[in-house]
Protein backbone atom coordinates (compact mmCIF):
# COMPACT_ATOMS: atom_id res chain seq x y z
CA MET A 1 0.05 -0.01 -0.04
CA SER A 2 1.36 3.48 -1.02
CA LYS A 3 2.58 5.64 1.96
CA LYS A 4 2.22 9.38 1.94
CA ILE A 5 5.25 11.12 3.20
CA THR A 6 4.64 15.01 3.68
CA PHE A 7 7.60 17.26 3.89
CA ILE A 8 6.89 20.59 5.47
CA GLY A 9 9.57 22.93 4.23
CA GLY A 10 9.84 21.56 0.78
CA GLY A 11 11.97 24.73 -0.38
CA SER A 12 14.99 23.71 1.65
CA TYR A 13 18.12 23.67 -0.66
CA GLN A 14 19.91 21.88 2.03
CA TRP A 15 17.79 19.18 3.11
CA VAL A 16 15.22 18.23 0.62
CA PRO A 17 17.49 16.91 -2.24
CA VAL A 18 19.62 14.69 0.38
CA LEU A 19 16.85 13.31 2.23
CA PHE A 20 14.74 12.48 -1.06
CA ARG A 21 17.77 10.75 -2.45
CA ASP A 22 17.95 8.62 0.73
CA ILE A 23 14.00 7.78 0.39
CA ALA A 24 14.40 7.20 -3.32
CA VAL A 25 16.99 4.58 -2.99
CA ASN A 26 15.62 2.82 -0.06
CA SER A 27 14.01 -0.46 -1.19
CA HIS A 28 11.32 -0.53 1.26
CA LEU A 29 9.89 3.07 0.41
CA GLN A 30 9.42 2.62 -3.32
CA ALA A 31 5.66 2.91 -3.52
CA SER A 32 5.81 5.94 -1.36
CA ARG A 33 4.20 9.51 -2.26
CA PHE A 34 6.69 12.28 -1.53
CA VAL A 35 4.54 15.55 -1.05
CA LEU A 36 6.31 18.75 -0.73
CA HIS A 37 4.89 21.87 0.85
CA ASP A 38 6.55 25.30 1.37
CA ILE A 39 5.18 28.82 2.02
CA ASP A 40 7.55 29.79 -0.89
CA ALA A 41 5.76 28.22 -3.79
CA GLY A 42 8.67 28.74 -6.29
CA ARG A 43 11.09 27.11 -4.10
CA ASN A 44 8.73 24.50 -3.57
CA ALA A 45 8.13 23.76 -7.25
CA GLU A 46 12.08 24.07 -7.83
CA LEU A 47 12.76 21.36 -5.37
CA ALA A 48 10.14 19.06 -6.62
CA GLY A 49 11.64 19.41 -10.11
CA VAL A 50 15.21 18.73 -8.38
CA CYS A 51 13.58 15.45 -6.79
CA ARG A 52 11.89 14.24 -10.00
CA THR A 53 15.41 14.62 -11.77
CA ILE A 54 17.13 12.69 -8.87
CA GLY A 55 13.99 10.03 -9.01
CA ARG A 56 14.66 9.38 -12.69
CA LYS A 57 18.50 9.23 -12.35
CA VAL A 58 18.31 6.38 -9.53
CA LYS A 59 15.34 4.75 -10.90
CA SER A 60 12.99 5.27 -8.09
CA GLY A 61 9.43 4.37 -7.73
CA VAL A 62 8.82 7.33 -5.41
CA ALA A 63 6.24 9.73 -6.63
CA VAL A 64 6.86 13.40 -6.18
CA GLU A 65 3.94 15.87 -5.65
CA VAL A 66 3.67 19.52 -4.89
CA GLU A 67 0.83 20.85 -2.67
CA ALA A 68 0.45 24.42 -1.95
CA SER A 69 -2.39 23.73 0.65
CA LEU A 70 -1.08 22.55 4.11
CA ASP A 71 -4.17 21.00 4.95
CA ARG A 72 -4.23 19.06 1.69
CA ALA A 73 -0.54 18.13 2.00
CA LEU A 74 -1.34 16.70 5.55
CA GLU A 75 -4.71 15.16 4.87
CA GLY A 76 -4.11 11.21 4.94
CA ALA A 77 -0.33 11.61 5.52
CA ASP A 78 1.47 8.63 7.25
CA ALA A 79 4.64 10.55 8.05
CA VAL A 80 5.13 14.35 8.24
CA ILE A 81 8.68 15.58 8.02
CA LEU A 82 9.09 19.07 9.62
CA CYS A 83 12.16 21.35 8.39
CA ILE A 84 11.17 25.04 8.96
CA SER A 85 12.63 28.09 10.21
CA THR A 86 9.93 30.72 11.12
CA GLY A 87 11.17 33.95 9.70
CA GLY A 88 14.22 32.36 7.99
CA LEU A 89 17.45 33.86 7.91
CA ASP A 90 16.24 37.40 8.57
CA ALA A 91 14.85 36.69 11.77
CA MET A 92 17.83 34.58 12.69
CA GLU A 93 20.14 37.55 12.04
CA HIS A 94 18.32 39.45 14.88
CA ASP A 95 19.07 36.19 17.07
CA ILE A 96 22.73 36.64 16.39
CA GLU A 97 23.17 40.34 16.17
CA ILE A 98 21.27 41.83 18.67
CA PRO A 99 22.92 39.75 21.90
CA LYS A 100 26.32 40.89 20.11
CA LYS A 101 25.50 44.51 21.36
CA TYR A 102 25.48 42.98 24.99
CA GLY A 103 28.57 41.30 24.86
CA ILE A 104 26.97 37.50 24.02
CA TYR A 105 28.42 35.89 20.94
CA GLN A 106 26.70 32.71 19.58
CA PRO A 107 28.25 30.45 16.86
CA VAL A 108 25.03 28.88 15.86
CA GLY A 109 22.21 30.67 17.98
CA ASP A 110 19.46 28.00 17.43
CA SER A 111 19.05 25.74 20.53
CA THR A 112 20.12 27.55 23.72
CA GLY A 113 21.21 31.07 24.54
CA PRO A 114 19.27 34.47 23.55
CA GLY A 115 19.19 33.10 19.93
CA GLY A 116 17.76 29.70 20.88
CA ILE A 117 15.38 31.31 23.10
CA SER A 118 13.91 33.64 20.30
CA ARG A 119 13.93 31.22 17.82
CA THR A 120 11.70 29.07 20.34
CA LEU A 121 9.17 31.85 20.66
CA ARG A 122 9.00 31.86 16.95
CA ASN A 123 8.91 28.36 15.94
CA VAL A 124 6.79 26.72 18.81
CA PRO A 125 3.30 28.44 18.06
CA VAL A 126 3.69 27.45 14.45
CA VAL A 127 4.51 23.80 15.24
CA VAL A 128 1.64 23.70 17.74
CA SER A 129 -0.70 24.73 15.22
CA LEU A 130 0.62 22.23 12.72
CA ALA A 131 0.28 19.26 15.34
CA ARG A 132 -3.37 20.40 15.93
CA LYS A 133 -3.97 20.07 12.23
CA MET A 134 -2.31 16.81 12.11
CA GLU A 135 -4.96 15.57 14.83
CA ARG A 136 -7.75 16.52 12.49
CA LEU A 137 -6.05 15.62 9.22
CA CYS A 138 -3.75 12.63 9.86
CA PRO A 139 -4.03 11.79 13.48
CA GLU A 140 -2.08 8.33 13.33
CA ALA A 141 0.99 9.78 11.34
CA TRP A 142 4.41 10.40 12.93
CA LEU A 143 5.67 13.93 13.13
CA LEU A 144 9.44 13.67 12.31
CA ASN A 145 11.16 16.94 13.36
CA LEU A 146 14.36 18.20 11.90
CA THR A 147 13.90 21.71 13.16
CA ASN A 148 15.61 23.47 15.60
CA PRO A 149 15.32 24.15 18.83
CA MET A 150 14.80 20.18 18.45
CA ASP A 151 13.90 19.84 22.30
CA GLN A 152 11.76 22.61 22.71
CA ILE A 153 9.71 21.82 19.55
CA VAL A 154 9.29 17.86 20.69
CA ARG A 155 8.35 19.18 24.07
CA ALA A 156 5.64 21.63 22.73
CA VAL A 157 4.04 18.99 20.26
CA HIS A 158 4.00 16.20 23.31
CA ARG A 159 2.54 18.65 25.59
CA THR A 160 -0.30 20.44 23.46
CA SER A 161 -1.16 17.35 21.16
CA SER A 162 -1.67 13.57 20.89
CA ILE A 163 0.60 13.52 17.69
CA LYS A 164 3.37 11.02 17.92
CA VAL A 165 6.62 13.26 17.54
CA VAL A 166 10.31 12.29 17.38
CA GLY A 167 13.31 14.67 16.51
CA LEU A 168 16.09 13.47 14.41
CA CYS A 169 19.69 15.02 14.67
CA HIS A 170 23.15 13.99 13.03
CA GLU A 171 25.50 15.06 15.65
CA PHE A 172 25.99 11.52 17.04
CA LYS A 173 26.99 9.94 13.75
CA SER A 174 29.27 12.83 12.83
CA PHE A 175 30.99 12.18 16.16
CA MET A 176 31.18 8.65 15.47
CA SER A 177 32.82 9.19 12.12
CA SER A 178 35.60 11.17 14.22
CA VAL A 179 36.05 8.27 16.52
CA GLU A 180 36.53 6.07 13.50
CA ALA A 181 39.24 8.07 12.35
CA LEU A 182 40.75 8.50 15.69
CA LEU A 183 40.95 4.90 16.67
CA GLY A 184 41.57 3.67 13.11
CA LEU A 185 38.52 1.71 12.74
CA GLY A 186 37.14 0.12 9.50
CA ASP A 187 33.37 0.74 9.94
CA TRP A 188 32.41 2.25 13.44
CA GLU A 189 28.69 0.89 12.70
CA LYS A 190 29.80 -2.68 12.91
CA GLU A 191 32.65 -2.20 15.69
CA VAL A 192 31.25 0.14 18.05
CA SER A 193 28.35 0.07 20.67
CA ALA A 194 27.30 3.06 22.81
CA THR A 195 25.14 4.47 25.29
CA ILE A 196 24.27 8.01 25.07
CA ALA A 197 22.04 10.34 27.38
CA GLY A 198 21.25 14.13 27.42
CA ILE A 199 19.41 16.60 25.47
CA ASN A 200 19.93 17.71 21.94
CA HIS A 201 23.03 19.32 21.08
CA PHE A 202 24.22 18.90 24.72
CA ALA A 203 24.20 14.85 24.87
CA TRP A 204 27.01 12.87 26.40
CA VAL A 205 28.51 9.20 25.39
CA THR A 206 28.33 7.57 28.73
CA GLU A 207 29.44 4.15 27.73
CA LEU A 208 31.35 3.22 24.50
CA LYS A 209 32.46 -0.35 23.50
CA VAL A 210 34.76 -0.83 20.42
CA ASN A 211 35.19 -4.50 19.48
CA GLY A 212 34.34 -5.41 23.05
CA ARG A 213 36.93 -3.08 24.51
CA ASP A 214 36.56 0.08 26.78
CA GLY A 215 35.99 2.59 23.84
CA LEU A 216 36.30 5.69 26.24
CA ARG A 217 39.46 4.32 27.61
CA LEU A 218 40.89 3.65 24.11
CA LEU A 219 39.65 7.11 22.99
CA ARG A 220 41.60 8.85 26.12
CA GLU A 221 44.67 6.93 25.27
CA ARG A 222 44.78 7.94 21.48
CA LEU A 223 44.09 11.60 22.60
CA ALA A 224 47.18 11.27 24.76
CA ASP A 225 49.38 10.22 21.85
CA PRO A 226 47.52 10.86 18.32
CA SER A 227 50.65 9.51 16.55
CA SER A 228 49.92 6.02 17.77
CA ALA A 229 46.55 5.71 15.49
CA GLY A 230 46.55 2.62 13.36
CA GLY A 231 44.17 0.93 10.89
CA GLY A 232 42.48 3.28 8.28
CA GLY A 233 43.50 6.73 9.84
CA ASN A 234 45.95 9.06 8.38
CA ALA A 235 47.82 12.03 9.91
CA VAL A 236 45.72 14.77 8.22
CA ASN A 237 42.31 13.08 9.31
CA LEU A 238 43.54 12.58 12.75
CA SER A 239 44.54 16.19 12.81
CA ASP A 240 41.26 17.52 11.57
CA SER A 241 39.41 15.04 13.92
CA VAL A 242 41.21 16.41 17.15
CA HIS A 243 41.13 20.05 15.93
CA SER A 244 37.37 19.87 15.20
CA ASN A 245 36.75 18.24 18.19
CA LYS A 246 38.86 20.43 20.81
CA LEU A 247 36.29 21.72 23.09
CA LYS A 248 34.40 18.35 23.33
CA PHE A 249 37.87 16.53 24.24
CA HIS A 250 38.52 19.39 26.82
CA LEU A 251 35.26 18.47 28.31
CA PHE A 252 36.19 14.70 28.17
CA GLU A 253 39.22 15.45 29.96
CA THR A 254 37.34 17.37 32.58
CA TYR A 255 34.42 15.13 33.26
CA GLY A 256 35.46 11.72 32.26
CA LEU A 257 32.65 11.14 29.54
CA VAL A 258 32.60 12.89 26.10
CA PRO A 259 29.76 15.08 24.75
CA TYR A 260 29.22 14.31 21.01
CA PRO A 261 27.48 17.30 19.53
CA GLY A 262 29.45 19.62 17.41
CA ASP A 263 31.74 22.11 19.22
CA ARG A 264 29.86 25.19 17.97
CA HIS A 265 26.73 23.78 19.70
CA LEU A 266 28.37 22.80 22.79
CA ALA A 267 30.12 25.98 23.66
CA GLU A 268 26.65 27.92 23.68
CA PHE A 269 25.49 25.70 26.87
CA PHE A 270 28.34 27.18 28.90
CA PRO A 271 28.99 30.60 29.97
CA TYR A 272 32.78 30.69 29.66
CA PHE A 273 33.78 29.22 26.24
CA LEU A 274 32.52 32.29 24.15
CA SER A 275 34.20 34.98 26.20
CA LYS A 276 36.64 37.85 25.16
CA LYS A 277 39.29 35.84 26.98
CA THR A 278 38.76 33.09 24.65
CA GLU A 279 38.61 35.07 21.59
CA TYR A 280 34.84 34.25 21.57
CA GLY A 281 35.57 30.50 21.04
CA ALA A 282 38.82 30.52 18.85
CA ALA A 283 41.01 29.35 21.68
CA PHE A 284 38.84 25.97 21.58
CA GLY A 285 38.68 25.91 17.66
CA VAL A 286 34.96 27.15 17.76
CA GLU A 287 34.39 29.46 14.79
CA LEU A 288 31.72 32.19 14.70
CA THR A 289 29.81 32.56 11.49
CA SER A 290 27.39 35.46 10.51
CA ILE A 291 24.03 35.30 8.88
CA ASP A 292 25.78 36.39 5.64
CA ASP A 293 27.85 33.33 5.67
CA ARG A 294 24.97 31.10 5.71
CA ARG A 295 22.98 33.28 3.09
CA HIS A 296 25.79 33.20 0.59
CA LYS A 297 28.43 30.55 1.18
CA TRP A 298 26.30 27.87 2.60
CA ILE A 299 23.17 28.17 0.31
CA GLY A 300 25.80 28.74 -2.65
CA TYR A 301 27.32 25.22 -1.73
CA PHE A 302 24.03 23.33 -1.54
CA LYS A 303 23.05 24.95 -5.04
CA GLU A 304 26.31 23.60 -6.36
CA ARG A 305 25.29 20.19 -5.12
CA ILE A 306 22.02 20.32 -6.62
CA ALA A 307 23.40 21.50 -9.98
CA GLU A 308 25.87 18.67 -9.88
CA TRP A 309 23.07 16.02 -9.03
CA THR A 310 20.68 17.38 -11.90
CA ASN A 311 23.28 17.91 -14.73
CA ASP A 312 23.35 15.76 -18.07
CA ASP A 313 25.25 12.83 -16.32
CA PRO A 314 22.68 9.90 -15.65
CA ALA A 315 25.19 8.69 -12.71
CA SER A 316 25.70 11.98 -10.94
CA VAL A 317 23.66 11.17 -8.07
CA PRO A 318 25.34 8.87 -5.50
CA LEU A 319 23.28 5.86 -4.90
CA LYS A 320 24.98 5.43 -1.53
CA PRO A 321 22.52 7.03 1.04
CA SER A 322 23.74 9.62 3.66
CA SER A 323 24.20 8.93 7.26
CA GLU A 324 21.11 10.93 7.98
CA SER A 325 18.51 8.72 9.92
CA LEU A 326 15.28 9.72 8.45
CA ALA A 327 15.19 7.16 5.55
CA PRO A 328 15.77 4.05 7.61
CA ILE A 329 13.69 5.11 10.42
CA LEU A 330 10.74 5.89 7.82
CA ALA A 331 11.35 2.21 6.16
CA SER A 332 10.73 0.57 9.62
CA LEU A 333 7.88 2.91 10.78
CA LEU A 334 5.92 2.62 7.78
CA SER A 335 7.07 -0.31 6.01
CA ASP A 336 8.84 -3.70 6.39
CA GLY A 337 12.12 -2.30 6.74
CA PRO A 338 14.70 -4.01 9.05
CA ALA A 339 15.21 -3.01 12.65
CA THR A 340 17.44 -0.01 13.12
CA VAL A 341 19.17 1.66 15.96
CA GLN A 342 19.10 5.57 15.74
CA PRO A 343 19.71 8.49 17.92
CA VAL A 344 16.41 10.24 18.53
CA THR A 345 15.05 12.92 20.82
CA LEU A 346 11.68 11.94 22.51
CA PRO A 347 9.75 12.86 25.58
CA ASN A 348 11.55 11.37 28.66
CA GLN A 349 9.68 8.43 30.02
CA GLY A 350 12.44 7.34 32.23
CA GLN A 351 14.95 6.53 29.49
CA VAL A 352 17.33 9.23 31.05
CA ALA A 353 16.51 8.24 34.88
CA ASN A 354 17.53 11.56 36.43
CA LEU A 355 16.34 14.10 33.90
CA PRO A 356 12.50 15.32 34.41
CA LEU A 357 9.70 13.20 33.18
CA GLY A 358 8.41 14.56 30.12
CA SER A 359 11.28 16.95 29.11
CA SER A 360 12.97 16.10 25.62
CA VAL A 361 15.75 13.78 25.83
CA GLU A 362 18.44 12.43 23.34
CA THR A 363 19.02 8.44 23.41
CA LEU A 364 19.48 5.79 21.10
CA ALA A 365 16.32 3.93 20.01
CA THR A 366 15.28 0.89 18.38
CA VAL A 367 12.85 1.34 15.40
CA VAL A 368 11.10 -1.72 14.13
CA GLY A 369 7.81 -3.01 12.83
CA GLY A 370 6.12 0.43 13.26
CA SER A 371 7.47 0.86 16.81
CA LEU A 372 10.22 3.37 18.03
CA VAL A 373 11.41 2.22 21.32
CA PRO A 374 13.90 4.12 23.45
CA HIS A 375 16.89 2.51 25.07
CA ALA A 376 17.21 2.80 28.98
CA SER A 377 20.28 4.90 29.37
CA GLY A 378 20.60 5.05 33.26
CA SER A 379 21.53 8.28 34.97
CA LEU A 380 23.85 11.05 34.09
CA PRO A 381 26.68 11.27 36.71
CA ALA A 382 26.10 14.22 38.99
CA PRO A 383 28.64 16.79 37.68
CA ILE A 384 27.18 16.46 34.21
CA LEU A 385 23.42 16.13 35.63
CA ALA A 386 24.21 19.51 37.11
CA LEU A 387 24.99 21.11 33.51
CA VAL A 388 22.18 19.21 31.67
CA HIS A 389 19.33 19.59 34.19
CA LYS A 390 18.85 23.18 34.16
CA HIS A 391 18.66 23.43 30.55
CA CYS A 392 15.63 21.21 30.68
CA LEU A 393 13.95 23.42 33.06
CA ILE A 394 14.82 26.64 30.73
CA GLN A 395 13.52 24.79 27.85
CA ASP A 396 10.08 24.04 29.55
CA LEU A 397 9.92 27.67 30.61
CA THR A 398 10.52 28.84 27.12
CA VAL A 399 8.08 26.76 25.69
CA ASP A 400 5.40 28.03 28.27
CA ALA A 401 6.63 31.63 27.05
CA ALA A 402 5.93 30.84 23.60
CA ILE A 403 2.54 29.28 24.03
CA GLU A 404 1.21 31.94 26.29
CA GLY A 405 3.01 34.92 25.05
CA SER A 406 4.50 35.75 28.43
CA ARG A 407 7.27 38.04 28.78
CA GLU A 408 7.73 37.33 32.24
CA LYS A 409 8.41 33.56 31.34
CA ALA A 410 10.57 34.48 28.59
CA LEU A 411 12.52 36.88 30.81
CA GLN A 412 13.02 34.30 33.54
CA ALA A 413 14.29 31.88 30.68
CA MET A 414 16.79 34.46 29.69
CA LEU A 415 17.92 34.95 33.31
CA ALA A 416 18.59 31.53 33.81
CA ASP A 417 20.42 30.82 30.65
CA PRO A 418 24.15 30.78 31.43
CA LEU A 419 25.43 32.67 28.26
CA ASN A 420 23.66 35.69 29.99
CA ASN A 421 25.59 35.27 33.32
CA ASN A 422 27.78 38.40 32.65
CA ASN A 423 24.92 40.75 31.88
CA ASP A 424 23.04 43.06 34.00
CA ILE A 425 19.39 41.92 34.74
CA ARG A 426 18.13 45.27 33.00
CA GLU A 427 20.45 44.70 30.22
CA ILE A 428 18.96 41.18 29.73
CA ALA A 429 15.42 42.64 29.94
CA THR A 430 16.11 45.31 27.29
CA MET A 431 17.89 42.81 24.96
CA LEU A 432 14.73 40.76 25.14
CA ASP A 433 12.38 43.71 24.29
CA GLU A 434 14.81 44.29 21.30
CA LEU A 435 14.35 40.70 20.20
CA LEU A 436 10.63 40.72 20.55
CA GLU A 437 10.37 44.25 18.55
CA ALA A 438 12.70 42.92 15.85
CA ASN A 439 10.63 40.08 15.18
CA ALA A 440 7.19 41.19 16.32
CA GLY A 441 5.54 40.39 12.84
CA LEU A 442 6.07 36.81 13.86
CA LEU A 443 5.31 37.07 17.57
CA PRO A 444 1.72 37.89 17.69
CA GLN A 445 1.28 36.25 21.02
CA PHE A 446 3.53 38.80 22.58
CA PHE A 447 1.70 41.91 21.19
CA SER A 448 -1.88 40.89 21.29
CA GLN A 449 -2.11 40.26 25.08
CA PRO A 450 -3.56 42.53 27.99
CA VAL A 451 -1.23 45.05 29.05
CA ARG A 452 0.54 42.91 31.50
CA HIS A 453 1.99 40.86 28.86
CA GLY A 454 2.39 43.48 26.20
CA ALA A 455 4.29 45.95 28.38
CA LYS A 456 7.93 46.51 28.09
CA THR A 457 9.92 43.67 29.88
CA GLU A 458 11.99 45.97 31.88
CA ALA A 459 8.74 47.41 33.37
CA LEU A 460 8.43 43.93 34.93
CA LEU A 461 11.41 44.39 37.08
CA PRO A 462 11.39 46.28 40.64
CA ALA A 463 12.10 50.02 40.48
């Protein structure tokens, strides 16, 4: 039976071509309908054409459709993929540039810190509205979220709807590729088993087995003497792997466990990695990028890949799927695909024993026969729990603020966030006002409330 897979955010140059190719070459998804929806009709149609070309080149049976109506795109869907950014790069520019005026620098700004909070306030109401439409139009469908802030979106959907939701992120697999290079492995997926626990972009490898041996110990030994790597590693790859993970390896040395998300994300969960003393992260190998970089360099790169895949060469599309987990998860949820173990973000039902129930947590999960079962990952050690737990509470508070349009709760979330530690409470209130005003057209919940919620945030502070 044909399965309907709806992609919300179908105009994404970055994600649509790669994820469609992965679906198109998956033998368990060949009877599927891939329905693209985007608020930008031109981009939506453009990417649909790209997908059809990819489909022809890989000889796929997946049908590509375009749907301008969100309701029709959702109606009868078996799975909904969410890949949006409310306000796009223009809104995100405010998230990055306004905090800079207050000495707060963010390499990414999409999950935590002032940028992550601001992004949450924009994205959560849109996603809650989508989930409620799904309850009416496709109540049995899975919502597979690729949108940041991952934890807050999964939390909001779980709190406000009956929709089955899961968040997907590639950070774990990216780090495992670095581990493969550092330890000279042939194929980490065959040689490594792991336990992971935490929250999205701030999760930790709590146990690592490499061919039955203590992988954390092996990694520690290798970092003490990188020149001793054997197998498939080479000097250039080893150097790159160490440099690109410099911050996480510093945390590994400090805490005894290794966080696996990219260093640009990790730095934002702490108050001290992005300061003037560290050259705003440069001392730890963290690079700040501007929104202009993302507008021009990154989008240019994605367009170049599209041009290569859609040229006259019939073999230009790689048949090997990416390491993204979407297609294998869809194959196991919607069809007779094999069991697969993947990193996922889900509401905490005890899989991380000492993080709050209901909060979004990232662990491995087994997907098979239409079900998705998170692995029990035990408890985080106290020193790491002290770091992670507070972010669960900040996320919950920010979701409340987004849904209610509450400046009080938004301010409380800002005050609790570690990136704001060096700022005066009045400065933080003023910064929040600037962020809200800059994106006012995308935040009606903050500007259509009674005076108590619509007043300037600084007015909420004692005189």
